[in-house]
């Protein structure tokens, strides 16, 4: 189930990323970074806290997806790179 969470996060990341970059605003990128962090980490912690087998897998997958997207893209895909705000 972790693969479902990772795939779900990457799909959500692509959609939010295209919307934020199409607005061409630093504020939109900041809001998108917050939404992606809440979706990846917040929803992942909530799902992992439910302590059901499927929710643990999906929750961990969301958090792993956020971490992988941050590391592999040097923060560009999750809004962590400060160069995006200048």
C-alpha atoms as a PDB file:
ATOM      1  CA  UNK A   1       0.000   0.000   0.000  1.00  0.00           C
ATOM      2  CA  UNK A   2       2.973   2.319   0.394  1.00  0.00           C
ATOM      3  CA  UNK A   3       3.342   2.373  -3.390  1.00  0.00           C
ATOM      4  CA  UNK A   4      -0.244   3.631  -3.634  1.00  0.00           C
ATOM      5  CA  UNK A   5       0.624   6.508  -1.300  1.00  0.00           C
ATOM      6  CA  UNK A   6       3.783   7.366  -3.219  1.00  0.00           C
ATOM      7  CA  UNK A   7       1.955   7.307  -6.558  1.00  0.00           C
ATOM      8  CA  UNK A   8      -0.910   9.343  -5.095  1.00  0.00           C
ATOM      9  CA  UNK A   9       1.466  11.978  -3.737  1.00  0.00           C
ATOM     10  CA  UNK A  10       3.376  12.295  -7.016  1.00  0.00           C
ATOM     11  CA  UNK A  11       0.100  12.643  -8.932  1.00  0.00           C
ATOM     12  CA  UNK A  12      -1.126  15.332  -6.517  1.00  0.00           C
ATOM     13  CA  UNK A  13       2.283  17.033  -6.688  1.00  0.00           C
ATOM     14  CA  UNK A  14       2.162  17.295 -10.481  1.00  0.00           C
ATOM     15  CA  UNK A  15      -1.330  18.797 -10.423  1.00  0.00           C
ATOM     16  CA  UNK A  16      -0.536  21.345  -7.692  1.00  0.00           C
ATOM     17  CA  UNK A  17       2.811  22.158  -9.312  1.00  0.00           C
ATOM     18  CA  UNK A  18       1.281  22.962 -12.689  1.00  0.00           C
ATOM     19  CA  UNK A  19      -1.372  25.146 -11.069  1.00  0.00           C
ATOM     20  CA  UNK A  20       1.182  27.045  -8.955  1.00  0.00           C
ATOM     21  CA  UNK A  21       3.651  27.566 -11.784  1.00  0.00           C
ATOM     22  CA  UNK A  22       0.935  28.712 -14.180  1.00  0.00           C
ATOM     23  CA  UNK A  23       0.070  31.557 -11.774  1.00  0.00           C
ATOM     24  CA  UNK A  24       3.683  32.848 -11.936  1.00  0.00           C
ATOM     25  CA  UNK A  25       3.587  34.265  -8.412  1.00  0.00           C
ATOM     26  CA  UNK A  26       5.833  33.713  -5.406  1.00  0.00           C
ATOM     27  CA  UNK A  27       2.767  33.704  -3.175  1.00  0.00           C
ATOM     28  CA  UNK A  28       1.173  30.914  -5.222  1.00  0.00           C
ATOM     29  CA  UNK A  29       4.350  28.847  -4.954  1.00  0.00           C
ATOM     30  CA  UNK A  30       4.413  29.408  -1.186  1.00  0.00           C
ATOM     31  CA  UNK A  31       0.788  28.355  -0.818  1.00  0.00           C
ATOM     32  CA  UNK A  32       1.434  25.307  -2.997  1.00  0.00           C
ATOM     33  CA  UNK A  33       4.444  24.381  -0.832  1.00  0.00           C
ATOM     34  CA  UNK A  34       2.244  24.560   2.255  1.00  0.00           C
ATOM     35  CA  UNK A  35      -0.500  22.495   0.647  1.00  0.00           C
ATOM     36  CA  UNK A  36       2.001  19.863  -0.481  1.00  0.00           C
ATOM     37  CA  UNK A  37       3.574  19.666   2.985  1.00  0.00           C
ATOM     38  CA  UNK A  38       0.193  19.324   4.684  1.00  0.00           C
ATOM     39  CA  UNK A  39      -0.915  16.737   2.132  1.00  0.00           C
ATOM     40  CA  UNK A  40       2.279  14.712   2.348  1.00  0.00           C
ATOM     41  CA  UNK A  41       3.247  14.942   5.988  1.00  0.00           C
ATOM     42  CA  UNK A  42      -0.028  15.908   7.677  1.00  0.00           C
ATOM     43  CA  UNK A  43      -2.267  13.433   5.899  1.00  0.00           C
ATOM     44  CA  UNK A  44       0.455  10.799   6.168  1.00  0.00           C
ATOM     45  CA  UNK A  45       0.639  11.200   9.945  1.00  0.00           C
ATOM     46  CA  UNK A  46      -3.142  11.122  10.288  1.00  0.00           C
ATOM     47  CA  UNK A  47      -3.427   7.972   8.190  1.00  0.00           C
ATOM     48  CA  UNK A  48      -0.534   6.308  10.006  1.00  0.00           C
ATOM     49  CA  UNK A  49      -2.189   7.200  13.300  1.00  0.00           C
ATOM     50  CA  UNK A  50      -5.323   5.249  12.396  1.00  0.00           C
ATOM     51  CA  UNK A  51      -3.290   2.059  12.941  1.00  0.00           C
ATOM     52  CA  UNK A  52      -5.075   0.035  10.259  1.00  0.00           C
ATOM     53  CA  UNK A  53      -2.896  -1.909   7.811  1.00  0.00           C
ATOM     54  CA  UNK A  54      -4.085  -0.085   4.698  1.00  0.00           C
ATOM     55  CA  UNK A  55      -3.910   3.366   6.317  1.00  0.00           C
ATOM     56  CA  UNK A  56      -0.409   2.750   7.675  1.00  0.00           C
ATOM     57  CA  UNK A  57       0.809   1.832   4.198  1.00  0.00           C
ATOM     58  CA  UNK A  58      -0.827   4.762   2.437  1.00  0.00           C
ATOM     59  CA  UNK A  59       0.244   7.198   5.170  1.00  0.00           C
ATOM     60  CA  UNK A  60       3.852   6.068   5.055  1.00  0.00           C
ATOM     61  CA  UNK A  61       3.707   6.192   1.259  1.00  0.00           C
ATOM     62  CA  UNK A  62       2.554   9.820   1.332  1.00  0.00           C
ATOM     63  CA  UNK A  63       5.411  10.781   3.646  1.00  0.00           C
ATOM     64  CA  UNK A  64       7.940   8.806   1.604  1.00  0.00           C
ATOM     65  CA  UNK A  65       6.623  10.439  -1.581  1.00  0.00           C
ATOM     66  CA  UNK A  66       7.061  13.921  -0.097  1.00  0.00           C
ATOM     67  CA  UNK A  67      10.586  13.076   1.018  1.00  0.00           C
ATOM     68  CA  UNK A  68      11.575  11.539  -2.315  1.00  0.00           C
ATOM     69  CA  UNK A  69      10.156  14.456  -4.285  1.00  0.00           C
ATOM     70  CA  UNK A  70      12.066  16.888  -2.059  1.00  0.00           C
ATOM     71  CA  UNK A  71      15.379  15.058  -2.300  1.00  0.00           C
ATOM     72  CA  UNK A  72      15.328  14.060  -5.967  1.00  0.00           C
ATOM     73  CA  UNK A  73      14.228  17.477  -7.247  1.00  0.00           C
ATOM     74  CA  UNK A  74      16.402  19.486  -4.798  1.00  0.00           C
ATOM     75  CA  UNK A  75      13.240  21.046  -3.407  1.00  0.00           C
ATOM     76  CA  UNK A  76      11.809  22.334  -6.696  1.00  0.00           C
ATOM     77  CA  UNK A  77       8.844  19.947  -6.711  1.00  0.00           C
ATOM     78  CA  UNK A  78       7.860  20.658  -3.106  1.00  0.00           C
ATOM     79  CA  UNK A  79       8.627  24.377  -2.898  1.00  0.00           C
ATOM     80  CA  UNK A  80      11.541  23.976  -0.485  1.00  0.00           C
ATOM     81  CA  UNK A  81      14.134  25.525  -2.792  1.00  0.00           C
ATOM     82  CA  UNK A  82      14.605  29.217  -1.893  1.00  0.00           C
ATOM     83  CA  UNK A  83      15.589  30.082  -5.475  1.00  0.00           C
ATOM     84  CA  UNK A  84      11.941  29.690  -6.489  1.00  0.00           C
ATOM     85  CA  UNK A  85      10.913  32.761  -4.477  1.00  0.00           C
ATOM     86  CA  UNK A  86      13.225  35.317  -6.085  1.00  0.00           C
END
